[in-house]
Amino acid sequence: MNAREEAARRVASDDRKDFEFASRGFICTRAEPVIKHDSGRPAFDLSAYKFLESEAPESANPSLWRQAQILTKHGLFKVMDGIYQVRGFDVSTVSFFDAGAGWIVVDPLTTVEVARAALELVNANVGERPVLAVSDSHSHVDHYGGVSGVTNAADDESGKVKII
């Protein structure tokens, strides 16, 4: 049995538990899959991975195909009371902590457009709140690149929003 056949055999015996785990807490996603720049050009297209809904082609490792299917579940998720995440809007995940008077945003994605879309999704479905603070867990761009989508320089300079 070759490596692809072995991977296919393992995927065939999949109990779908990982898919259930990946969907846990799912609230909703955007109705419009294309997140646009202010100019109207596409910034990110959530439907770009729709091809993964089919079976893995012979040219793909079925185990990697399955993993990609799990990872491309996108939208707003409730992690627990007061903690929400938006996943799949780019290569990273943004978290929103309800601090009572507003959101503490952790790791605001890679670009302004996807971060703004994530904030809009959480505000529309959990409740409109101001951003109080933004925390970047570390210096990779997927953890801070979208900061201007959830706040602006004036709010940072005035202290209205804390950058941590």
N, C-alpha and C. Protein backbone atom coordinates (compact mmCIF):
# COMPACT_ATOMS: atom_id res chain seq x y z
N MET A 1 0.86 -1.18 0.00
CA MET A 1 0.00 0.00 0.00
C MET A 1 0.91 1.24 0.00
N ASN A 2 0.65 2.19 -0.93
CA ASN A 2 1.46 3.41 -0.98
C ASN A 2 0.95 4.43 0.05
N ALA A 3 1.70 5.51 0.20
CA ALA A 3 1.39 6.51 1.22
C ALA A 3 0.02 7.14 0.99
N ARG A 4 -0.34 7.42 -0.27
CA ARG A 4 -1.64 8.03 -0.55
C ARG A 4 -2.77 7.08 -0.20
N GLU A 5 -2.61 5.81 -0.53
CA GLU A 5 -3.63 4.81 -0.20
C GLU A 5 -3.80 4.67 1.31
N GLU A 6 -2.68 4.70 2.02
CA GLU A 6 -2.73 4.63 3.48
C GLU A 6 -3.45 5.84 4.07
N ALA A 7 -3.16 7.03 3.56
CA ALA A 7 -3.84 8.25 4.02
C ALA A 7 -5.33 8.16 3.70
N ALA A 8 -5.68 7.68 2.52
CA ALA A 8 -7.09 7.54 2.12
C ALA A 8 -7.81 6.56 3.05
N ARG A 9 -7.13 5.46 3.41
CA ARG A 9 -7.73 4.49 4.32
C ARG A 9 -8.02 5.13 5.68
N ARG A 10 -7.09 5.92 6.16
CA ARG A 10 -7.29 6.56 7.47
C ARG A 10 -8.41 7.60 7.42
N VAL A 11 -8.47 8.37 6.35
CA VAL A 11 -9.54 9.37 6.21
C VAL A 11 -10.89 8.68 6.10
N ALA A 12 -10.94 7.55 5.41
CA ALA A 12 -12.20 6.82 5.25
C ALA A 12 -12.75 6.35 6.60
N SER A 13 -11.87 6.12 7.55
CA SER A 13 -12.32 5.68 8.87
C SER A 13 -12.56 6.87 9.82
N ASP A 14 -12.49 8.08 9.31
CA ASP A 14 -12.66 9.30 10.10
C ASP A 14 -14.03 9.31 10.78
N ASP A 15 -14.06 9.60 12.06
CA ASP A 15 -15.33 9.65 12.80
C ASP A 15 -15.96 11.05 12.79
N ARG A 16 -15.35 11.99 12.07
CA ARG A 16 -15.85 13.37 11.91
C ARG A 16 -15.80 14.17 13.22
N LYS A 17 -15.18 13.66 14.26
CA LYS A 17 -15.09 14.35 15.54
C LYS A 17 -14.36 15.69 15.38
N ASP A 18 -13.28 15.71 14.60
CA ASP A 18 -12.53 16.96 14.41
C ASP A 18 -13.37 18.02 13.73
N PHE A 19 -14.26 17.62 12.83
CA PHE A 19 -15.16 18.57 12.17
C PHE A 19 -16.13 19.15 13.19
N GLU A 20 -16.61 18.30 14.10
CA GLU A 20 -17.51 18.77 15.16
C GLU A 20 -16.77 19.76 16.08
N PHE A 21 -15.53 19.43 16.43
CA PHE A 21 -14.74 20.33 17.28
C PHE A 21 -14.53 21.68 16.59
N ALA A 22 -14.22 21.66 15.29
CA ALA A 22 -13.97 22.90 14.54
C ALA A 22 -15.22 23.76 14.43
N SER A 23 -16.39 23.14 14.53
CA SER A 23 -17.65 23.88 14.41
C SER A 23 -18.23 24.30 15.75
N ARG A 24 -17.65 23.83 16.83
CA ARG A 24 -18.18 24.12 18.16
C ARG A 24 -18.23 25.63 18.40
N GLY A 25 -19.35 26.12 18.84
CA GLY A 25 -19.51 27.54 19.16
C GLY A 25 -19.82 28.42 17.96
N PHE A 26 -19.96 27.82 16.76
CA PHE A 26 -20.21 28.62 15.56
C PHE A 26 -21.52 29.39 15.70
N ILE A 27 -21.46 30.69 15.43
CA ILE A 27 -22.64 31.54 15.47
C ILE A 27 -23.10 31.85 14.05
N CYS A 28 -22.22 32.39 13.24
CA CYS A 28 -22.59 32.76 11.87
C CYS A 28 -21.34 33.21 11.11
N THR A 29 -21.52 33.44 9.84
CA THR A 29 -20.46 34.04 9.04
C THR A 29 -21.07 35.16 8.21
N ARG A 30 -20.27 35.79 7.39
CA ARG A 30 -20.74 36.89 6.55
C ARG A 30 -21.68 36.36 5.47
N ALA A 31 -22.70 37.13 5.16
CA ALA A 31 -23.58 36.79 4.04
C ALA A 31 -22.85 36.99 2.72
N GLU A 32 -22.06 38.05 2.65
CA GLU A 32 -21.27 38.36 1.45
C GLU A 32 -19.87 37.80 1.65
N PRO A 33 -19.46 36.80 0.86
CA PRO A 33 -18.16 36.18 1.11
C PRO A 33 -16.95 37.03 0.73
N VAL A 34 -17.14 38.05 -0.09
CA VAL A 34 -16.00 38.87 -0.51
C VAL A 34 -15.85 40.07 0.43
N ILE A 35 -14.71 40.14 1.09
CA ILE A 35 -14.36 41.28 1.94
C ILE A 35 -13.59 42.23 1.04
N LYS A 36 -14.05 43.48 0.95
CA LYS A 36 -13.49 44.41 -0.03
C LYS A 36 -12.66 45.52 0.59
N HIS A 37 -11.70 46.00 -0.20
CA HIS A 37 -10.97 47.23 0.12
C HIS A 37 -11.95 48.39 -0.02
N ASP A 38 -11.61 49.54 0.52
CA ASP A 38 -12.45 50.73 0.35
C ASP A 38 -12.66 51.06 -1.12
N SER A 39 -11.71 50.70 -1.96
CA SER A 39 -11.80 50.96 -3.40
C SER A 39 -12.79 50.04 -4.10
N GLY A 40 -13.26 49.00 -3.39
CA GLY A 40 -14.18 48.04 -3.99
C GLY A 40 -13.49 46.77 -4.48
N ARG A 41 -12.16 46.80 -4.56
CA ARG A 41 -11.43 45.61 -4.96
C ARG A 41 -11.51 44.55 -3.86
N PRO A 42 -11.52 43.26 -4.23
CA PRO A 42 -11.53 42.21 -3.21
C PRO A 42 -10.25 42.22 -2.37
N ALA A 43 -10.42 42.11 -1.06
CA ALA A 43 -9.28 41.98 -0.15
C ALA A 43 -9.11 40.52 0.25
N PHE A 44 -10.22 39.83 0.42
CA PHE A 44 -10.20 38.41 0.79
C PHE A 44 -11.54 37.81 0.39
N ASP A 45 -11.50 36.61 -0.17
CA ASP A 45 -12.71 35.95 -0.62
C ASP A 45 -12.90 34.66 0.17
N LEU A 46 -13.90 34.66 1.05
CA LEU A 46 -14.15 33.49 1.89
C LEU A 46 -14.58 32.27 1.09
N SER A 47 -15.04 32.48 -0.13
CA SER A 47 -15.47 31.34 -0.95
C SER A 47 -14.32 30.73 -1.75
N ALA A 48 -13.12 31.26 -1.61
CA ALA A 48 -11.98 30.78 -2.38
C ALA A 48 -11.66 29.31 -2.10
N TYR A 49 -12.04 28.82 -0.95
CA TYR A 49 -11.74 27.43 -0.59
C TYR A 49 -12.95 26.51 -0.75
N LYS A 50 -13.96 26.97 -1.44
CA LYS A 50 -15.17 26.19 -1.65
C LYS A 50 -14.88 24.86 -2.35
N PHE A 51 -13.82 24.83 -3.17
CA PHE A 51 -13.46 23.60 -3.87
C PHE A 51 -13.17 22.45 -2.90
N LEU A 52 -12.86 22.76 -1.65
CA LEU A 52 -12.57 21.72 -0.67
C LEU A 52 -13.81 20.94 -0.24
N GLU A 53 -14.98 21.39 -0.65
CA GLU A 53 -16.21 20.67 -0.31
C GLU A 53 -16.31 19.36 -1.07
N SER A 54 -15.55 19.21 -2.14
CA SER A 54 -15.57 17.97 -2.91
C SER A 54 -14.56 16.98 -2.32
N GLU A 55 -14.57 15.78 -2.88
CA GLU A 55 -13.61 14.76 -2.46
C GLU A 55 -12.21 15.16 -2.92
N ALA A 56 -11.21 14.68 -2.22
CA ALA A 56 -9.82 14.96 -2.60
C ALA A 56 -9.52 14.33 -3.96
N PRO A 57 -8.92 15.09 -4.87
CA PRO A 57 -8.54 14.50 -6.16
C PRO A 57 -7.36 13.54 -5.98
N GLU A 58 -7.11 12.75 -6.96
CA GLU A 58 -6.00 11.80 -6.91
C GLU A 58 -4.65 12.48 -6.67
N SER A 59 -4.55 13.74 -7.07
CA SER A 59 -3.28 14.46 -6.95
C SER A 59 -3.04 15.02 -5.54
N ALA A 60 -4.01 14.88 -4.64
CA ALA A 60 -3.88 15.46 -3.30
C ALA A 60 -3.85 14.36 -2.24
N ASN A 61 -3.11 14.61 -1.19
CA ASN A 61 -3.11 13.72 -0.04
C ASN A 61 -4.46 13.89 0.66
N PRO A 62 -5.25 12.83 0.80
CA PRO A 62 -6.58 12.97 1.40
C PRO A 62 -6.55 13.46 2.85
N SER A 63 -5.49 13.15 3.57
CA SER A 63 -5.39 13.61 4.95
C SER A 63 -5.17 15.12 5.00
N LEU A 64 -4.32 15.63 4.11
CA LEU A 64 -4.11 17.08 4.06
C LEU A 64 -5.36 17.80 3.56
N TRP A 65 -6.08 17.18 2.63
CA TRP A 65 -7.34 17.73 2.12
C TRP A 65 -8.34 17.86 3.28
N ARG A 66 -8.45 16.80 4.09
CA ARG A 66 -9.34 16.80 5.25
C ARG A 66 -8.95 17.92 6.22
N GLN A 67 -7.65 18.05 6.49
CA GLN A 67 -7.18 19.09 7.39
C GLN A 67 -7.55 20.47 6.86
N ALA A 68 -7.40 20.68 5.56
CA ALA A 68 -7.77 21.96 4.96
C ALA A 68 -9.27 22.21 5.11
N GLN A 69 -10.09 21.18 4.97
CA GLN A 69 -11.54 21.33 5.14
C GLN A 69 -11.86 21.80 6.57
N ILE A 70 -11.17 21.24 7.53
CA ILE A 70 -11.40 21.62 8.94
C ILE A 70 -10.96 23.07 9.18
N LEU A 71 -9.81 23.44 8.66
CA LEU A 71 -9.25 24.77 8.92
C LEU A 71 -9.97 25.91 8.21
N THR A 72 -10.73 25.63 7.17
CA THR A 72 -11.37 26.70 6.42
C THR A 72 -12.79 27.01 6.89
N LYS A 73 -13.21 26.45 8.01
CA LYS A 73 -14.50 26.82 8.61
C LYS A 73 -14.35 28.26 9.09
N HIS A 74 -15.13 29.17 8.51
CA HIS A 74 -14.94 30.59 8.81
C HIS A 74 -16.18 31.20 9.44
N GLY A 75 -15.95 32.24 10.24
CA GLY A 75 -17.05 32.97 10.84
C GLY A 75 -16.80 33.32 12.29
N LEU A 76 -17.90 33.66 12.97
CA LEU A 76 -17.88 34.06 14.37
C LEU A 76 -18.19 32.85 15.25
N PHE A 77 -17.36 32.65 16.27
CA PHE A 77 -17.51 31.54 17.19
C PHE A 77 -17.53 32.06 18.62
N LYS A 78 -18.39 31.47 19.44
CA LYS A 78 -18.38 31.75 20.87
C LYS A 78 -17.47 30.71 21.52
N VAL A 79 -16.41 31.17 22.17
CA VAL A 79 -15.48 30.28 22.84
C VAL A 79 -16.04 29.92 24.21
N MET A 80 -16.50 30.93 24.91
CA MET A 80 -17.17 30.80 26.21
C MET A 80 -17.82 32.15 26.51
N ASP A 81 -18.55 32.25 27.59
CA ASP A 81 -19.20 33.51 27.91
C ASP A 81 -18.17 34.64 27.89
N GLY A 82 -18.44 35.67 27.09
CA GLY A 82 -17.60 36.85 27.03
C GLY A 82 -16.38 36.75 26.13
N ILE A 83 -16.15 35.59 25.52
CA ILE A 83 -15.00 35.43 24.64
C ILE A 83 -15.46 34.88 23.29
N TYR A 84 -15.11 35.62 22.23
CA TYR A 84 -15.50 35.27 20.87
C TYR A 84 -14.28 35.29 19.97
N GLN A 85 -14.36 34.52 18.89
CA GLN A 85 -13.29 34.54 17.89
C GLN A 85 -13.91 34.64 16.51
N VAL A 86 -13.18 35.31 15.62
CA VAL A 86 -13.51 35.26 14.20
C VAL A 86 -12.36 34.50 13.55
N ARG A 87 -12.73 33.40 12.90
CA ARG A 87 -11.75 32.49 12.29
C ARG A 87 -11.95 32.44 10.78
N GLY A 88 -10.87 32.19 10.08
CA GLY A 88 -10.94 31.93 8.65
C GLY A 88 -11.06 33.16 7.78
N PHE A 89 -10.96 34.36 8.35
CA PHE A 89 -11.02 35.57 7.53
C PHE A 89 -9.67 35.88 6.90
N ASP A 90 -8.65 35.21 7.34
CA ASP A 90 -7.33 35.18 6.70
C ASP A 90 -6.56 34.05 7.35
N VAL A 91 -5.26 34.13 7.43
CA VAL A 91 -4.46 33.01 7.94
C VAL A 91 -4.42 32.92 9.46
N SER A 92 -5.03 33.86 10.15
CA SER A 92 -4.98 33.84 11.61
C SER A 92 -6.38 34.00 12.20
N THR A 93 -6.43 34.06 13.52
CA THR A 93 -7.68 34.16 14.26
C THR A 93 -7.62 35.39 15.15
N VAL A 94 -8.72 36.16 15.19
CA VAL A 94 -8.81 37.31 16.09
C VAL A 94 -9.77 36.96 17.22
N SER A 95 -9.41 37.36 18.42
CA SER A 95 -10.25 37.11 19.60
C SER A 95 -10.79 38.42 20.15
N PHE A 96 -12.03 38.36 20.63
CA PHE A 96 -12.71 39.52 21.21
C PHE A 96 -13.14 39.16 22.62
N PHE A 97 -12.64 39.91 23.60
CA PHE A 97 -12.98 39.70 24.99
C PHE A 97 -13.92 40.82 25.42
N ASP A 98 -15.09 40.45 25.93
CA ASP A 98 -16.05 41.44 26.40
C ASP A 98 -15.62 41.92 27.78
N ALA A 99 -15.14 43.16 27.83
CA ALA A 99 -14.68 43.74 29.09
C ALA A 99 -15.77 44.55 29.78
N GLY A 100 -17.01 44.37 29.36
CA GLY A 100 -18.12 45.09 29.96
C GLY A 100 -18.39 46.40 29.25
N ALA A 101 -17.44 47.31 29.29
CA ALA A 101 -17.60 48.62 28.63
C ALA A 101 -17.17 48.59 27.17
N GLY A 102 -16.60 47.47 26.72
CA GLY A 102 -16.15 47.38 25.34
C GLY A 102 -15.31 46.14 25.10
N TRP A 103 -14.73 46.08 23.91
CA TRP A 103 -13.93 44.93 23.50
C TRP A 103 -12.45 45.12 23.78
N ILE A 104 -11.82 44.04 24.21
CA ILE A 104 -10.36 43.92 24.15
C ILE A 104 -10.13 42.97 22.97
N VAL A 105 -9.41 43.45 21.97
CA VAL A 105 -9.17 42.70 20.75
C VAL A 105 -7.75 42.14 20.79
N VAL A 106 -7.63 40.85 20.58
CA VAL A 106 -6.32 40.20 20.61
C VAL A 106 -5.99 39.64 19.23
N ASP A 107 -4.85 40.07 18.70
CA ASP A 107 -4.32 39.62 17.41
C ASP A 107 -5.25 39.95 16.24
N PRO A 108 -5.33 41.24 15.86
CA PRO A 108 -6.30 41.69 14.86
C PRO A 108 -5.95 41.38 13.39
N LEU A 109 -5.61 40.12 13.12
CA LEU A 109 -5.48 39.62 11.74
C LEU A 109 -4.38 40.32 10.94
N THR A 110 -4.39 40.12 9.61
CA THR A 110 -3.28 40.59 8.79
C THR A 110 -3.52 41.91 8.08
N THR A 111 -4.78 42.24 7.81
CA THR A 111 -5.05 43.48 7.07
C THR A 111 -6.22 44.24 7.68
N VAL A 112 -6.25 45.51 7.36
CA VAL A 112 -7.31 46.40 7.84
C VAL A 112 -8.69 45.86 7.46
N GLU A 113 -8.83 45.44 6.22
CA GLU A 113 -10.14 45.04 5.69
C GLU A 113 -10.71 43.82 6.42
N VAL A 114 -9.89 42.78 6.63
CA VAL A 114 -10.42 41.59 7.29
C VAL A 114 -10.66 41.85 8.78
N ALA A 115 -9.81 42.67 9.40
CA ALA A 115 -10.03 43.02 10.81
C ALA A 115 -11.31 43.83 10.98
N ARG A 116 -11.55 44.78 10.08
CA ARG A 116 -12.77 45.57 10.13
C ARG A 116 -14.00 44.67 9.94
N ALA A 117 -13.92 43.75 8.99
CA ALA A 117 -15.03 42.81 8.75
C ALA A 117 -15.29 41.94 9.97
N ALA A 118 -14.23 41.52 10.66
CA ALA A 118 -14.38 40.71 11.87
C ALA A 118 -15.06 41.51 12.98
N LEU A 119 -14.64 42.75 13.19
CA LEU A 119 -15.26 43.61 14.20
C LEU A 119 -16.72 43.86 13.87
N GLU A 120 -17.02 44.11 12.62
CA GLU A 120 -18.41 44.32 12.20
C GLU A 120 -19.25 43.07 12.48
N LEU A 121 -18.69 41.89 12.23
CA LEU A 121 -19.43 40.64 12.45
C LEU A 121 -19.72 40.43 13.93
N VAL A 122 -18.73 40.64 14.78
CA VAL A 122 -18.96 40.44 16.22
C VAL A 122 -19.92 41.50 16.76
N ASN A 123 -19.77 42.75 16.33
CA ASN A 123 -20.69 43.81 16.80
C ASN A 123 -22.13 43.54 16.35
N ALA A 124 -22.30 43.10 15.14
CA ALA A 124 -23.64 42.86 14.61
C ALA A 124 -24.33 41.67 15.28
N ASN A 125 -23.56 40.70 15.75
CA ASN A 125 -24.16 39.47 16.24
C ASN A 125 -24.06 39.25 17.74
N VAL A 126 -23.20 40.00 18.41
CA VAL A 126 -23.07 39.88 19.86
C VAL A 126 -23.53 41.17 20.54
N GLY A 127 -23.34 42.29 19.87
CA GLY A 127 -23.72 43.59 20.41
C GLY A 127 -22.64 44.60 20.14
N GLU A 128 -23.05 45.77 19.74
CA GLU A 128 -22.12 46.86 19.41
C GLU A 128 -21.41 47.32 20.67
N ARG A 129 -20.08 47.33 20.62
CA ARG A 129 -19.26 47.80 21.73
C ARG A 129 -18.05 48.54 21.16
N PRO A 130 -17.55 49.52 21.86
CA PRO A 130 -16.32 50.17 21.40
C PRO A 130 -15.11 49.28 21.69
N VAL A 131 -14.05 49.49 20.96
CA VAL A 131 -12.79 48.81 21.24
C VAL A 131 -12.07 49.60 22.31
N LEU A 132 -11.72 48.94 23.41
CA LEU A 132 -11.02 49.57 24.53
C LEU A 132 -9.51 49.37 24.44
N ALA A 133 -9.13 48.20 23.94
CA ALA A 133 -7.70 47.86 23.88
C ALA A 133 -7.46 46.86 22.77
N VAL A 134 -6.24 46.88 22.26
CA VAL A 134 -5.81 45.92 21.25
C VAL A 134 -4.49 45.33 21.74
N SER A 135 -4.41 44.00 21.76
CA SER A 135 -3.19 43.33 22.19
C SER A 135 -2.67 42.47 21.04
N ASP A 136 -1.39 42.59 20.79
CA ASP A 136 -0.72 41.77 19.80
C ASP A 136 0.13 40.77 20.56
N SER A 137 -0.15 39.49 20.42
CA SER A 137 0.56 38.49 21.22
C SER A 137 2.04 38.40 20.87
N HIS A 138 2.39 38.70 19.62
CA HIS A 138 3.79 38.73 19.23
C HIS A 138 3.93 39.45 17.89
N SER A 139 5.15 39.58 17.40
CA SER A 139 5.42 40.50 16.31
C SER A 139 5.29 39.94 14.89
N HIS A 140 4.60 38.82 14.71
CA HIS A 140 4.32 38.37 13.35
C HIS A 140 3.14 39.17 12.80
N VAL A 141 3.21 39.51 11.52
CA VAL A 141 2.22 40.42 10.93
C VAL A 141 0.78 39.91 11.05
N ASP A 142 0.57 38.60 11.09
CA ASP A 142 -0.79 38.08 11.21
C ASP A 142 -1.38 38.31 12.60
N HIS A 143 -0.60 38.91 13.48
CA HIS A 143 -1.09 39.21 14.83
C HIS A 143 -1.25 40.71 15.07
N TYR A 144 -0.85 41.53 14.10
CA TYR A 144 -1.01 42.98 14.29
C TYR A 144 -1.36 43.74 13.02
N GLY A 145 -1.24 43.13 11.87
CA GLY A 145 -1.40 43.85 10.60
C GLY A 145 -2.74 44.54 10.41
N GLY A 146 -3.79 44.03 11.04
CA GLY A 146 -5.11 44.62 10.88
C GLY A 146 -5.51 45.61 11.95
N VAL A 147 -4.57 46.05 12.77
CA VAL A 147 -4.90 46.92 13.90
C VAL A 147 -5.71 48.14 13.49
N SER A 148 -5.44 48.72 12.33
CA SER A 148 -6.19 49.90 11.90
C SER A 148 -7.60 49.58 11.45
N GLY A 149 -7.94 48.32 11.40
CA GLY A 149 -9.32 47.92 11.11
C GLY A 149 -10.20 47.89 12.34
N VAL A 150 -9.57 47.91 13.53
CA VAL A 150 -10.33 47.89 14.78
C VAL A 150 -10.15 49.15 15.61
N THR A 151 -9.17 49.99 15.25
CA THR A 151 -8.94 51.27 15.93
C THR A 151 -8.21 52.20 14.96
N ASN A 152 -7.86 53.36 15.45
CA ASN A 152 -7.12 54.31 14.60
C ASN A 152 -6.07 55.03 15.44
N ALA A 153 -5.17 55.71 14.77
CA ALA A 153 -4.06 56.38 15.44
C ALA A 153 -4.54 57.44 16.43
N ALA A 154 -5.59 58.17 16.09
CA ALA A 154 -6.09 59.22 16.98
C ALA A 154 -6.58 58.64 18.30
N ASP A 155 -7.30 57.52 18.25
CA ASP A 155 -7.78 56.88 19.48
C ASP A 155 -6.62 56.32 20.30
N ASP A 156 -5.60 55.84 19.62
CA ASP A 156 -4.40 55.35 20.32
C ASP A 156 -3.67 56.52 20.99
N GLU A 157 -3.43 57.58 20.25
CA GLU A 157 -2.69 58.73 20.78
C GLU A 157 -3.42 59.42 21.92
N SER A 158 -4.74 59.45 21.87
CA SER A 158 -5.53 60.10 22.94
C SER A 158 -5.69 59.21 24.16
N GLY A 159 -5.35 57.93 24.02
CA GLY A 159 -5.54 56.99 25.12
C GLY A 159 -6.91 56.36 25.16
N LYS A 160 -7.76 56.72 24.21
CA LYS A 160 -9.11 56.13 24.16
C LYS A 160 -9.03 54.61 23.98
N VAL A 161 -8.06 54.18 23.16
CA VAL A 161 -7.81 52.75 22.95
C VAL A 161 -6.37 52.49 23.36
N LYS A 162 -6.18 51.50 24.20
CA LYS A 162 -4.83 51.11 24.64
C LYS A 162 -4.28 50.08 23.67
N ILE A 163 -3.04 50.26 23.26
CA ILE A 163 -2.36 49.27 22.45
C ILE A 163 -1.38 48.54 23.37
N ILE A 164 -1.59 47.26 23.48
CA ILE A 164 -0.78 46.46 24.42
C ILE A 164 0.16 45.56 23.63
